[in-house]
Structure formats: structure tokens, C-alpha cells
Full PDB file with SEQRES, HELIX, SHEET, SSBOND, CRYST1, ORIGX, SCALE, CONECT and MASTER records, all heavy atoms in Angstrom:
SEQRES   1 A   39  GLY THR VAL THR LEU PHE LYS GLY LEU ASP GLU MET GLN          
SEQRES   2 A   39  GLN LEU ALA PHE SER GLN VAL PHE SER VAL SER ASP TYR          
SEQRES   3 A   39  LEU LEU PHE ALA VAL ILE LYS LEU ALA ALA LEU VAL VAL          
HELIX    1 AA1 THR A    2  THR A    4  5                                   3    
HELIX    2 AA2 LEU A    9  PHE A   17  1                                   9    
HELIX    3 AA3 VAL A   23  VAL A   38  1                                  16    
CRYST1    1.000    1.000    1.000  90.00  90.00  90.00 P 1           1          
ORIGX1      1.000000  0.000000  0.000000        0.00000                         
ORIGX2      0.000000  1.000000  0.000000        0.00000                         
ORIGX3      0.000000  0.000000  1.000000        0.00000                         
SCALE1      1.000000  0.000000  0.000000        0.00000                         
SCALE2      0.000000  1.000000  0.000000        0.00000                         
SCALE3      0.000000  0.000000  1.000000        0.00000                         
ATOM      1  N   GLY A   1       0.778  -1.192   0.028  1.00  0.00           N  
ATOM      2  CA  GLY A   1       0.043  -0.028   0.080  1.00  0.00           C  
ATOM      3  C   GLY A   1       0.892   1.325  -0.037  1.00  0.00           C  
ATOM      4  O   GLY A   1       2.125   1.233   0.226  1.00  0.00           O  
ATOM      5  N   THR A   2       0.166   2.448  -0.224  1.00  0.00           N  
ATOM      6  CA  THR A   2       0.909   3.646  -0.230  1.00  0.00           C  
ATOM      7  C   THR A   2       1.633   4.012   1.031  1.00  0.00           C  
ATOM      8  O   THR A   2       2.663   4.841   0.922  1.00  0.00           O  
ATOM      9  CB  THR A   2       0.000   4.735  -0.672  1.00  0.00           C  
ATOM     10  OG1 THR A   2      -1.125   4.812   0.260  1.00  0.00           O  
ATOM     11  CG2 THR A   2      -0.564   4.620  -2.062  1.00  0.00           C  
ATOM     12  N   VAL A   3       1.291   3.379   2.074  1.00  0.00           N  
ATOM     13  CA  VAL A   3       2.014   3.804   3.377  1.00  0.00           C  
ATOM     14  C   VAL A   3       3.413   3.348   3.294  1.00  0.00           C  
ATOM     15  O   VAL A   3       4.356   3.900   4.050  1.00  0.00           O  
ATOM     16  CB  VAL A   3       1.194   3.195   4.496  1.00  0.00           C  
ATOM     17  CG1 VAL A   3       1.373   1.748   4.646  1.00  0.00           C  
ATOM     18  CG2 VAL A   3       1.738   3.940   5.869  1.00  0.00           C  
ATOM     19  N   THR A   4       3.692   2.321   2.377  1.00  0.00           N  
ATOM     20  CA  THR A   4       5.109   1.860   2.363  1.00  0.00           C  
ATOM     21  C   THR A   4       6.013   2.598   1.266  1.00  0.00           C  
ATOM     22  O   THR A   4       7.133   2.196   1.095  1.00  0.00           O  
ATOM     23  CB  THR A   4       5.122   0.361   2.067  1.00  0.00           C  
ATOM     24  OG1 THR A   4       4.434   0.120   0.839  1.00  0.00           O  
ATOM     25  CG2 THR A   4       4.398  -0.453   3.171  1.00  0.00           C  
ATOM     26  N   LEU A   5       5.423   3.620   0.621  1.00  0.00           N  
ATOM     27  CA  LEU A   5       6.090   4.291  -0.337  1.00  0.00           C  
ATOM     28  C   LEU A   5       6.773   5.520   0.258  1.00  0.00           C  
ATOM     29  O   LEU A   5       6.630   5.737   1.328  1.00  0.00           O  
ATOM     30  CB  LEU A   5       5.186   4.842  -1.516  1.00  0.00           C  
ATOM     31  CG  LEU A   5       4.307   3.752  -2.182  1.00  0.00           C  
ATOM     32  CD1 LEU A   5       3.318   4.329  -3.240  1.00  0.00           C  
ATOM     33  CD2 LEU A   5       5.201   2.654  -2.822  1.00  0.00           C  
ATOM     34  N   PHE A   6       7.636   6.206  -0.604  1.00  0.00           N  
ATOM     35  CA  PHE A   6       8.259   7.488  -0.236  1.00  0.00           C  
ATOM     36  C   PHE A   6       9.380   7.273   0.819  1.00  0.00           C  
ATOM     37  O   PHE A   6       9.664   6.160   1.135  1.00  0.00           O  
ATOM     38  CB  PHE A   6       7.183   8.531   0.083  1.00  0.00           C  
ATOM     39  CG  PHE A   6       6.158   8.738  -0.983  1.00  0.00           C  
ATOM     40  CD1 PHE A   6       4.938   8.235  -0.787  1.00  0.00           C  
ATOM     41  CD2 PHE A   6       6.432   9.464  -2.037  1.00  0.00           C  
ATOM     42  CE1 PHE A   6       3.871   8.385  -1.695  1.00  0.00           C  
ATOM     43  CE2 PHE A   6       5.464   9.576  -3.055  1.00  0.00           C  
ATOM     44  CZ  PHE A   6       4.211   9.080  -2.878  1.00  0.00           C  
ATOM     45  N   LYS A   7       9.868   8.411   1.393  1.00  0.00           N  
ATOM     46  CA  LYS A   7      10.988   8.301   2.190  1.00  0.00           C  
ATOM     47  C   LYS A   7      10.648   7.766   3.627  1.00  0.00           C  
ATOM     48  O   LYS A   7      11.418   7.273   4.351  1.00  0.00           O  
ATOM     49  CB  LYS A   7      11.625   9.690   2.384  1.00  0.00           C  
ATOM     50  CG  LYS A   7      10.744  10.715   2.935  1.00  0.00           C  
ATOM     51  CD  LYS A   7      11.541  12.142   3.056  1.00  0.00           C  
ATOM     52  CE  LYS A   7      10.693  13.186   3.604  1.00  0.00           C  
ATOM     53  NZ  LYS A   7       9.539  13.528   2.780  1.00  0.00           N  
ATOM     54  N   GLY A   8       9.394   7.941   4.091  1.00  0.00           N  
ATOM     55  CA  GLY A   8       8.974   7.271   5.350  1.00  0.00           C  
ATOM     56  C   GLY A   8       8.602   8.059   6.400  1.00  0.00           C  
ATOM     57  O   GLY A   8       8.016   7.608   7.412  1.00  0.00           O  
ATOM     58  N   LEU A   9       8.951   9.390   6.472  1.00  0.00           N  
ATOM     59  CA  LEU A   9       8.770  10.213   7.654  1.00  0.00           C  
ATOM     60  C   LEU A   9       7.281  10.519   7.921  1.00  0.00           C  
ATOM     61  O   LEU A   9       6.869  10.304   8.926  1.00  0.00           O  
ATOM     62  CB  LEU A   9       9.546  11.569   7.559  1.00  0.00           C  
ATOM     63  CG  LEU A   9      11.077  11.452   7.727  1.00  0.00           C  
ATOM     64  CD1 LEU A   9      11.605  12.876   7.815  1.00  0.00           C  
ATOM     65  CD2 LEU A   9      11.418  10.672   8.905  1.00  0.00           C  
ATOM     66  N   ASP A  10       6.655  11.050   6.873  1.00  0.00           N  
ATOM     67  CA  ASP A  10       5.170  11.236   6.964  1.00  0.00           C  
ATOM     68  C   ASP A  10       4.423   9.922   7.186  1.00  0.00           C  
ATOM     69  O   ASP A  10       3.457   9.897   7.926  1.00  0.00           O  
ATOM     70  CB  ASP A  10       4.656  11.924   5.800  1.00  0.00           C  
ATOM     71  CG  ASP A  10       5.244  13.337   5.517  1.00  0.00           C  
ATOM     72  OD1 ASP A  10       5.666  14.015   6.517  1.00  0.00           O  
ATOM     73  OD2 ASP A  10       5.418  13.823   4.400  1.00  0.00           O  
ATOM     74  N   GLU A  11       4.830   8.926   6.520  1.00  0.00           N  
ATOM     75  CA  GLU A  11       4.107   7.700   6.590  1.00  0.00           C  
ATOM     76  C   GLU A  11       4.242   7.020   7.871  1.00  0.00           C  
ATOM     77  O   GLU A  11       3.345   6.370   8.403  1.00  0.00           O  
ATOM     78  CB  GLU A  11       4.657   6.719   5.542  1.00  0.00           C  
ATOM     79  CG  GLU A  11       4.344   7.131   4.080  1.00  0.00           C  
ATOM     80  CD  GLU A  11       5.082   8.321   3.488  1.00  0.00           C  
ATOM     81  OE1 GLU A  11       6.122   8.564   4.134  1.00  0.00           O  
ATOM     82  OE2 GLU A  11       4.585   8.966   2.669  1.00  0.00           O  
ATOM     83  N   MET A  12       5.307   7.126   8.704  1.00  0.00           N  
ATOM     84  CA  MET A  12       5.432   6.534   9.950  1.00  0.00           C  
ATOM     85  C   MET A  12       4.548   7.200  10.973  1.00  0.00           C  
ATOM     86  O   MET A  12       4.087   6.660  11.989  1.00  0.00           O  
ATOM     87  CB  MET A  12       6.877   6.522  10.471  1.00  0.00           C  
ATOM     88  CG  MET A  12       7.448   7.887  10.942  1.00  0.00           C  
ATOM     89  SD  MET A  12       9.135   7.792  11.445  1.00  0.00           S  
ATOM     90  CE  MET A  12       9.461   9.407  12.178  1.00  0.00           C  
ATOM     91  N   GLN A  13       4.199   8.549  10.646  1.00  0.00           N  
ATOM     92  CA  GLN A  13       3.140   9.131  11.486  1.00  0.00           C  
ATOM     93  C   GLN A  13       1.781   8.466  11.400  1.00  0.00           C  
ATOM     94  O   GLN A  13       1.088   8.420  12.406  1.00  0.00           O  
ATOM     95  CB  GLN A  13       3.081  10.710  11.168  1.00  0.00           C  
ATOM     96  CG  GLN A  13       4.378  11.446  11.328  1.00  0.00           C  
ATOM     97  CD  GLN A  13       4.763  11.691  12.793  1.00  0.00           C  
ATOM     98  OE1 GLN A  13       3.924  11.631  13.590  1.00  0.00           O  
ATOM     99  NE2 GLN A  13       6.048  11.940  13.059  1.00  0.00           N  
ATOM    100  N   GLN A  14       1.494   8.078  10.117  1.00  0.00           N  
ATOM    101  CA  GLN A  14       0.184   7.306   9.915  1.00  0.00           C  
ATOM    102  C   GLN A  14       0.165   6.068  10.709  1.00  0.00           C  
ATOM    103  O   GLN A  14      -0.857   5.691  11.315  1.00  0.00           O  
ATOM    104  CB  GLN A  14       0.113   7.035   8.443  1.00  0.00           C  
ATOM    105  CG  GLN A  14      -0.020   8.280   7.495  1.00  0.00           C  
ATOM    106  CD  GLN A  14      -0.089   7.832   6.157  1.00  0.00           C  
ATOM    107  OE1 GLN A  14      -0.732   6.885   5.743  1.00  0.00           O  
ATOM    108  NE2 GLN A  14       0.542   8.722   5.273  1.00  0.00           N  
ATOM    109  N   LEU A  15       1.364   5.354  10.787  1.00  0.00           N  
ATOM    110  CA  LEU A  15       1.468   4.060  11.553  1.00  0.00           C  
ATOM    111  C   LEU A  15       1.107   4.359  13.073  1.00  0.00           C  
ATOM    112  O   LEU A  15       0.389   3.545  13.734  1.00  0.00           O  
ATOM    113  CB  LEU A  15       2.797   3.409  11.415  1.00  0.00           C  
ATOM    114  CG  LEU A  15       3.163   3.044  10.109  1.00  0.00           C  
ATOM    115  CD1 LEU A  15       4.571   2.181  10.232  1.00  0.00           C  
ATOM    116  CD2 LEU A  15       2.116   2.116   9.415  1.00  0.00           C  
ATOM    117  N   ALA A  16       1.758   5.459  13.608  1.00  0.00           N  
ATOM    118  CA  ALA A  16       1.546   5.716  15.027  1.00  0.00           C  
ATOM    119  C   ALA A  16       0.129   6.154  15.334  1.00  0.00           C  
ATOM    120  O   ALA A  16      -0.329   5.810  16.375  1.00  0.00           O  
ATOM    121  CB  ALA A  16       2.507   6.684  15.449  1.00  0.00           C  
ATOM    122  N   PHE A  17      -0.501   7.077  14.447  1.00  0.00           N  
ATOM    123  CA  PHE A  17      -1.829   7.522  14.765  1.00  0.00           C  
ATOM    124  C   PHE A  17      -2.935   6.480  14.515  1.00  0.00           C  
ATOM    125  O   PHE A  17      -3.994   6.628  15.099  1.00  0.00           O  
ATOM    126  CB  PHE A  17      -2.034   8.730  13.958  1.00  0.00           C  
ATOM    127  CG  PHE A  17      -1.458   9.976  14.485  1.00  0.00           C  
ATOM    128  CD1 PHE A  17      -0.476  10.677  13.688  1.00  0.00           C  
ATOM    129  CD2 PHE A  17      -1.590  10.400  15.673  1.00  0.00           C  
ATOM    130  CE1 PHE A  17       0.264  11.814  14.131  1.00  0.00           C  
ATOM    131  CE2 PHE A  17      -0.808  11.595  16.223  1.00  0.00           C  
ATOM    132  CZ  PHE A  17      -0.016  12.260  15.521  1.00  0.00           C  
ATOM    133  N   SER A  18      -2.701   5.557  13.617  1.00  0.00           N  
ATOM    134  CA  SER A  18      -3.827   4.595  13.280  1.00  0.00           C  
ATOM    135  C   SER A  18      -4.126   3.646  14.372  1.00  0.00           C  
ATOM    136  O   SER A  18      -3.157   3.251  15.099  1.00  0.00           O  
ATOM    137  CB  SER A  18      -3.419   3.813  11.986  1.00  0.00           C  
ATOM    138  OG  SER A  18      -4.371   2.928  11.686  1.00  0.00           O  
ATOM    139  N   GLN A  19      -5.383   3.370  14.425  1.00  0.00           N  
ATOM    140  CA  GLN A  19      -5.760   2.381  15.540  1.00  0.00           C  
ATOM    141  C   GLN A  19      -6.321   1.153  14.848  1.00  0.00           C  
ATOM    142  O   GLN A  19      -6.818   0.325  15.544  1.00  0.00           O  
ATOM    143  CB  GLN A  19      -6.952   3.014  16.372  1.00  0.00           C  
ATOM    144  CG  GLN A  19      -6.528   4.243  17.019  1.00  0.00           C  
ATOM    145  CD  GLN A  19      -5.495   4.132  18.110  1.00  0.00           C  
ATOM    146  OE1 GLN A  19      -5.499   3.171  18.806  1.00  0.00           O  
ATOM    147  NE2 GLN A  19      -4.520   5.043  18.290  1.00  0.00           N  
ATOM    148  N   VAL A  20      -6.177   1.008  13.659  1.00  0.00           N  
ATOM    149  CA  VAL A  20      -6.849  -0.191  12.899  1.00  0.00           C  
ATOM    150  C   VAL A  20      -5.798  -1.216  12.486  1.00  0.00           C  
ATOM    151  O   VAL A  20      -6.197  -2.362  12.054  1.00  0.00           O  
ATOM    152  CB  VAL A  20      -7.492   0.398  11.583  1.00  0.00           C  
ATOM    153  CG1 VAL A  20      -8.552   1.365  12.023  1.00  0.00           C  
ATOM    154  CG2 VAL A  20      -6.596   0.971  10.626  1.00  0.00           C  
ATOM    155  N   PHE A  21      -4.388  -1.062  12.552  1.00  0.00           N  
ATOM    156  CA  PHE A  21      -3.524  -2.046  12.067  1.00  0.00           C  
ATOM    157  C   PHE A  21      -3.262  -3.100  13.138  1.00  0.00           C  
ATOM    158  O   PHE A  21      -3.266  -2.879  14.308  1.00  0.00           O  
ATOM    159  CB  PHE A  21      -2.271  -1.300  11.743  1.00  0.00           C  
ATOM    160  CG  PHE A  21      -2.308  -0.316  10.564  1.00  0.00           C  
ATOM    161  CD1 PHE A  21      -1.680   0.913  10.666  1.00  0.00           C  
ATOM    162  CD2 PHE A  21      -2.896  -0.689   9.466  1.00  0.00           C  
ATOM    163  CE1 PHE A  21      -1.807   1.822   9.637  1.00  0.00           C  
ATOM    164  CE2 PHE A  21      -3.044   0.196   8.346  1.00  0.00           C  
ATOM    165  CZ  PHE A  21      -2.394   1.567   8.518  1.00  0.00           C  
ATOM    166  N   SER A  22      -3.103  -4.268  12.596  1.00  0.00           N  
ATOM    167  CA  SER A  22      -2.907  -5.437  13.416  1.00  0.00           C  
ATOM    168  C   SER A  22      -1.431  -5.917  13.424  1.00  0.00           C  
ATOM    169  O   SER A  22      -0.612  -5.186  12.739  1.00  0.00           O  
ATOM    170  CB  SER A  22      -3.694  -6.654  12.904  1.00  0.00           C  
ATOM    171  OG  SER A  22      -3.285  -6.901  11.560  1.00  0.00           O  
ATOM    172  N   VAL A  23      -1.023  -6.892  14.182  1.00  0.00           N  
ATOM    173  CA  VAL A  23       0.347  -7.371  14.141  1.00  0.00           C  
ATOM    174  C   VAL A  23       0.827  -7.778  12.756  1.00  0.00           C  
ATOM    175  O   VAL A  23       1.866  -7.368  12.419  1.00  0.00           O  
ATOM    176  CB  VAL A  23       0.388  -8.559  15.105  1.00  0.00           C  
ATOM    177  CG1 VAL A  23       1.749  -9.213  14.938  1.00  0.00           C  
ATOM    178  CG2 VAL A  23       0.146  -8.196  16.556  1.00  0.00           C  
ATOM    179  N   SER A  24      -0.034  -8.370  12.010  1.00  0.00           N  
ATOM    180  CA  SER A  24       0.365  -8.843  10.713  1.00  0.00           C  
ATOM    181  C   SER A  24       0.524  -7.660   9.766  1.00  0.00           C  
ATOM    182  O   SER A  24       1.314  -7.666   8.801  1.00  0.00           O  
ATOM    183  CB  SER A  24      -0.728  -9.838  10.117  1.00  0.00           C  
ATOM    184  OG  SER A  24      -1.940  -9.210  10.133  1.00  0.00           O  
ATOM    185  N   ASP A  25      -0.341  -6.564   9.960  1.00  0.00           N  
ATOM    186  CA  ASP A  25      -0.168  -5.396   9.196  1.00  0.00           C  
ATOM    187  C   ASP A  25       1.144  -4.685   9.408  1.00  0.00           C  
ATOM    188  O   ASP A  25       1.868  -4.340   8.353  1.00  0.00           O  
ATOM    189  CB  ASP A  25      -1.348  -4.371   9.462  1.00  0.00           C  
ATOM    190  CG  ASP A  25      -2.664  -4.873   8.996  1.00  0.00           C  
ATOM    191  OD1 ASP A  25      -2.776  -5.519   7.950  1.00  0.00           O  
ATOM    192  OD2 ASP A  25      -3.720  -4.551   9.625  1.00  0.00           O  
ATOM    193  N   TYR A  26       1.490  -4.510  10.548  1.00  0.00           N  
ATOM    194  CA  TYR A  26       2.853  -3.893  10.944  1.00  0.00           C  
ATOM    195  C   TYR A  26       3.951  -4.755  10.418  1.00  0.00           C  
ATOM    196  O   TYR A  26       5.012  -4.205   9.873  1.00  0.00           O  
ATOM    197  CB  TYR A  26       2.884  -3.678  12.460  1.00  0.00           C  
ATOM    198  CG  TYR A  26       2.009  -2.542  13.009  1.00  0.00           C  
ATOM    199  CD1 TYR A  26       1.195  -2.908  14.153  1.00  0.00           C  
ATOM    200  CD2 TYR A  26       2.082  -1.272  12.500  1.00  0.00           C  
ATOM    201  CE1 TYR A  26       0.348  -1.881  14.621  1.00  0.00           C  
ATOM    202  CE2 TYR A  26       1.278  -0.340  13.019  1.00  0.00           C  
ATOM    203  CZ  TYR A  26       0.444  -0.491  14.039  1.00  0.00           C  
ATOM    204  OH  TYR A  26      -0.345   0.423  14.702  1.00  0.00           O  
ATOM    205  N   LEU A  27       3.857  -6.017  10.544  1.00  0.00           N  
ATOM    206  CA  LEU A  27       4.864  -6.957  10.010  1.00  0.00           C  
ATOM    207  C   LEU A  27       5.040  -6.841   8.590  1.00  0.00           C  
ATOM    208  O   LEU A  27       6.197  -6.652   7.926  1.00  0.00           O  
ATOM    209  CB  LEU A  27       4.639  -8.393  10.447  1.00  0.00           C  
ATOM    210  CG  LEU A  27       5.634  -9.384   9.925  1.00  0.00           C  
ATOM    211  CD1 LEU A  27       7.003  -9.145  10.516  1.00  0.00           C  
ATOM    212  CD2 LEU A  27       5.103 -10.777  10.321  1.00  0.00           C  
ATOM    213  N   LEU A  28       3.934  -6.715   7.869  1.00  0.00           N  
ATOM    214  CA  LEU A  28       3.956  -6.619   6.436  1.00  0.00           C  
ATOM    215  C   LEU A  28       4.598  -5.238   5.962  1.00  0.00           C  
ATOM    216  O   LEU A  28       5.471  -5.211   5.131  1.00  0.00           O  
ATOM    217  CB  LEU A  28       2.501  -6.667   5.881  1.00  0.00           C  
ATOM    218  CG  LEU A  28       2.427  -6.370   4.313  1.00  0.00           C  
ATOM    219  CD1 LEU A  28       2.935  -7.451   3.540  1.00  0.00           C  
ATOM    220  CD2 LEU A  28       0.867  -6.166   3.928  1.00  0.00           C  
ATOM    221  N   PHE A  29       4.250  -4.250   6.662  1.00  0.00           N  
ATOM    222  CA  PHE A  29       4.830  -2.851   6.393  1.00  0.00           C  
ATOM    223  C   PHE A  29       6.210  -2.883   6.561  1.00  0.00           C  
ATOM    224  O   PHE A  29       7.079  -2.398   5.744  1.00  0.00           O  
ATOM    225  CB  PHE A  29       4.164  -1.848   7.296  1.00  0.00           C  
ATOM    226  CG  PHE A  29       2.625  -1.548   7.049  1.00  0.00           C  
ATOM    227  CD1 PHE A  29       1.961  -1.205   8.080  1.00  0.00           C  
ATOM    228  CD2 PHE A  29       2.102  -1.843   5.828  1.00  0.00           C  
ATOM    229  CE1 PHE A  29       0.476  -0.941   7.974  1.00  0.00           C  
ATOM    230  CE2 PHE A  29       0.744  -1.624   5.708  1.00  0.00           C  
ATOM    231  CZ  PHE A  29      -0.051  -1.167   6.622  1.00  0.00           C  
ATOM    232  N   ALA A  30       6.759  -3.466   7.755  1.00  0.00           N  
ATOM    233  CA  ALA A  30       8.199  -3.526   7.989  1.00  0.00           C  
ATOM    234  C   ALA A  30       8.966  -4.324   6.954  1.00  0.00           C  
ATOM    235  O   ALA A  30       9.985  -3.808   6.383  1.00  0.00           O  
ATOM    236  CB  ALA A  30       8.475  -4.113   9.355  1.00  0.00           C  
ATOM    237  N   VAL A  31       8.456  -5.431   6.580  1.00  0.00           N  
ATOM    238  CA  VAL A  31       9.159  -6.357   5.603  1.00  0.00           C  
ATOM    239  C   VAL A  31       9.171  -5.657   4.255  1.00  0.00           C  
ATOM    240  O   VAL A  31      10.118  -5.604   3.467  1.00  0.00           O  
ATOM    241  CB  VAL A  31       8.509  -7.779   5.536  1.00  0.00           C  
ATOM    242  CG1 VAL A  31       9.101  -8.559   4.403  1.00  0.00           C  
ATOM    243  CG2 VAL A  31       8.708  -8.397   6.813  1.00  0.00           C  
ATOM    244  N   ILE A  32       7.930  -5.204   3.842  1.00  0.00           N  
ATOM    245  CA  ILE A  32       7.866  -4.611   2.448  1.00  0.00           C  
ATOM    246  C   ILE A  32       8.783  -3.328   2.367  1.00  0.00           C  
ATOM    247  O   ILE A  32       9.478  -3.094   1.350  1.00  0.00           O  
ATOM    248  CB  ILE A  32       6.381  -4.210   2.102  1.00  0.00           C  
ATOM    249  CG1 ILE A  32       5.540  -5.431   1.953  1.00  0.00           C  
ATOM    250  CG2 ILE A  32       6.298  -3.247   0.935  1.00  0.00           C  
ATOM    251  CD1 ILE A  32       5.823  -6.209   0.730  1.00  0.00           C  
ATOM    252  N   LYS A  33       8.774  -2.493   3.407  1.00  0.00           N  
ATOM    253  CA  LYS A  33       9.586  -1.310   3.453  1.00  0.00           C  
ATOM    254  C   LYS A  33      11.136  -1.612   3.275  1.00  0.00           C  
ATOM    255  O   LYS A  33      11.891  -0.971   2.596  1.00  0.00           O  
ATOM    256  CB  LYS A  33       9.243  -0.394   4.629  1.00  0.00           C  
ATOM    257  CG  LYS A  33       9.953   1.004   4.462  1.00  0.00           C  
ATOM    258  CD  LYS A  33       9.305   1.840   3.513  1.00  0.00           C  
ATOM    259  CE  LYS A  33       9.765   3.261   3.453  1.00  0.00           C  
ATOM    260  NZ  LYS A  33       9.141   4.070   2.492  1.00  0.00           N  
ATOM    261  N   LEU A  34      11.401  -2.661   4.048  1.00  0.00           N  
ATOM    262  CA  LEU A  34      12.892  -3.017   4.056  1.00  0.00           C  
ATOM    263  C   LEU A  34      13.223  -3.646   2.727  1.00  0.00           C  
ATOM    264  O   LEU A  34      14.409  -3.300   2.174  1.00  0.00           O  
ATOM    265  CB  LEU A  34      13.219  -3.970   5.222  1.00  0.00           C  
ATOM    266  CG  LEU A  34      14.675  -4.351   5.523  1.00  0.00           C  
ATOM    267  CD1 LEU A  34      15.406  -3.087   6.024  1.00  0.00           C  
ATOM    268  CD2 LEU A  34      14.751  -5.435   6.562  1.00  0.00           C  
ATOM    269  N   ALA A  35      12.339  -4.374   2.163  1.00  0.00           N  
ATOM    270  CA  ALA A  35      12.704  -4.997   0.884  1.00  0.00           C  
ATOM    271  C   ALA A  35      12.714  -3.909  -0.177  1.00  0.00           C  
ATOM    272  O   ALA A  35      13.545  -3.885  -1.133  1.00  0.00           O  
ATOM    273  CB  ALA A  35      11.558  -5.929   0.531  1.00  0.00           C  
ATOM    274  N   ALA A  36      11.782  -2.910  -0.135  1.00  0.00           N  
ATOM    275  CA  ALA A  36      11.853  -1.863  -1.120  1.00  0.00           C  
ATOM    276  C   ALA A  36      13.096  -0.909  -0.901  1.00  0.00           C  
ATOM    277  O   ALA A  36      13.631  -0.447  -1.943  1.00  0.00           O  
ATOM    278  CB  ALA A  36      10.602  -0.978  -0.937  1.00  0.00           C  
ATOM    279  N   LEU A  37      13.646  -0.755   0.270  1.00  0.00           N  
ATOM    280  CA  LEU A  37      14.867   0.006   0.606  1.00  0.00           C  
ATOM    281  C   LEU A  37      16.035  -0.801  -0.076  1.00  0.00           C  
ATOM    282  O   LEU A  37      16.851  -0.124  -0.812  1.00  0.00           O  
ATOM    283  CB  LEU A  37      15.053   0.045   2.033  1.00  0.00           C  
ATOM    284  CG  LEU A  37      16.412   0.463   2.637  1.00  0.00           C  
ATOM    285  CD1 LEU A  37      16.898   1.800   2.032  1.00  0.00           C  
ATOM    286  CD2 LEU A  37      16.406   0.414   4.103  1.00  0.00           C  
ATOM    287  N   VAL A  38      16.072  -2.052   0.014  1.00  0.00           N  
ATOM    288  CA  VAL A  38      17.205  -2.856  -0.506  1.00  0.00           C  
ATOM    289  C   VAL A  38      17.108  -2.792  -2.027  1.00  0.00           C  
ATOM    290  O   VAL A  38      18.196  -2.598  -2.742  1.00  0.00           O  
ATOM    291  CB  VAL A  38      17.124  -4.363  -0.031  1.00  0.00           C  
ATOM    292  CG1 VAL A  38      18.107  -5.140  -0.807  1.00  0.00           C  
ATOM    293  CG2 VAL A  38      17.365  -4.381   1.483  1.00  0.00           C  
ATOM    294  N   VAL A  39      15.939  -2.991  -2.671  1.00  0.00           N  
ATOM    295  CA  VAL A  39      15.741  -2.927  -4.076  1.00  0.00           C  
ATOM    296  C   VAL A  39      16.087  -1.590  -4.658  1.00  0.00           C  
ATOM    297  O   VAL A  39      16.869  -1.465  -5.613  1.00  0.00           O  
ATOM    298  CB  VAL A  39      14.339  -3.304  -4.535  1.00  0.00           C  
ATOM    299  CG1 VAL A  39      14.101  -3.087  -5.966  1.00  0.00           C  
ATOM    300  CG2 VAL A  39      14.035  -4.770  -4.157  1.00  0.00           C  
TER     301      VAL A  39                                                      
MASTER        0    0    0    3    0    0    0    6  300    1    0    3          
END                                                                             
């Protein structure tokens, strides 16, 4: 999703403010962002 795009500063605020993400969502965001960084 778009939360894993761009440099990440604004997007990490969305993670902290949101109340809807689950453990699997946060794990997905972390893995996808790290993979995107490496690529």
C-alpha cells in the first residue's frame, strides 16, 4: 500500500496515529519497506 512508499517520515506518523492496524499489518509494512529499501 501507499503507506510503504516514499521516504517514510510522513508515513510513519500514519502508523503511530492509526488504531486499525494489526500485528500482521505492521509486520507486512516492515518487511515490504525493508525490501523496497534494498531494491
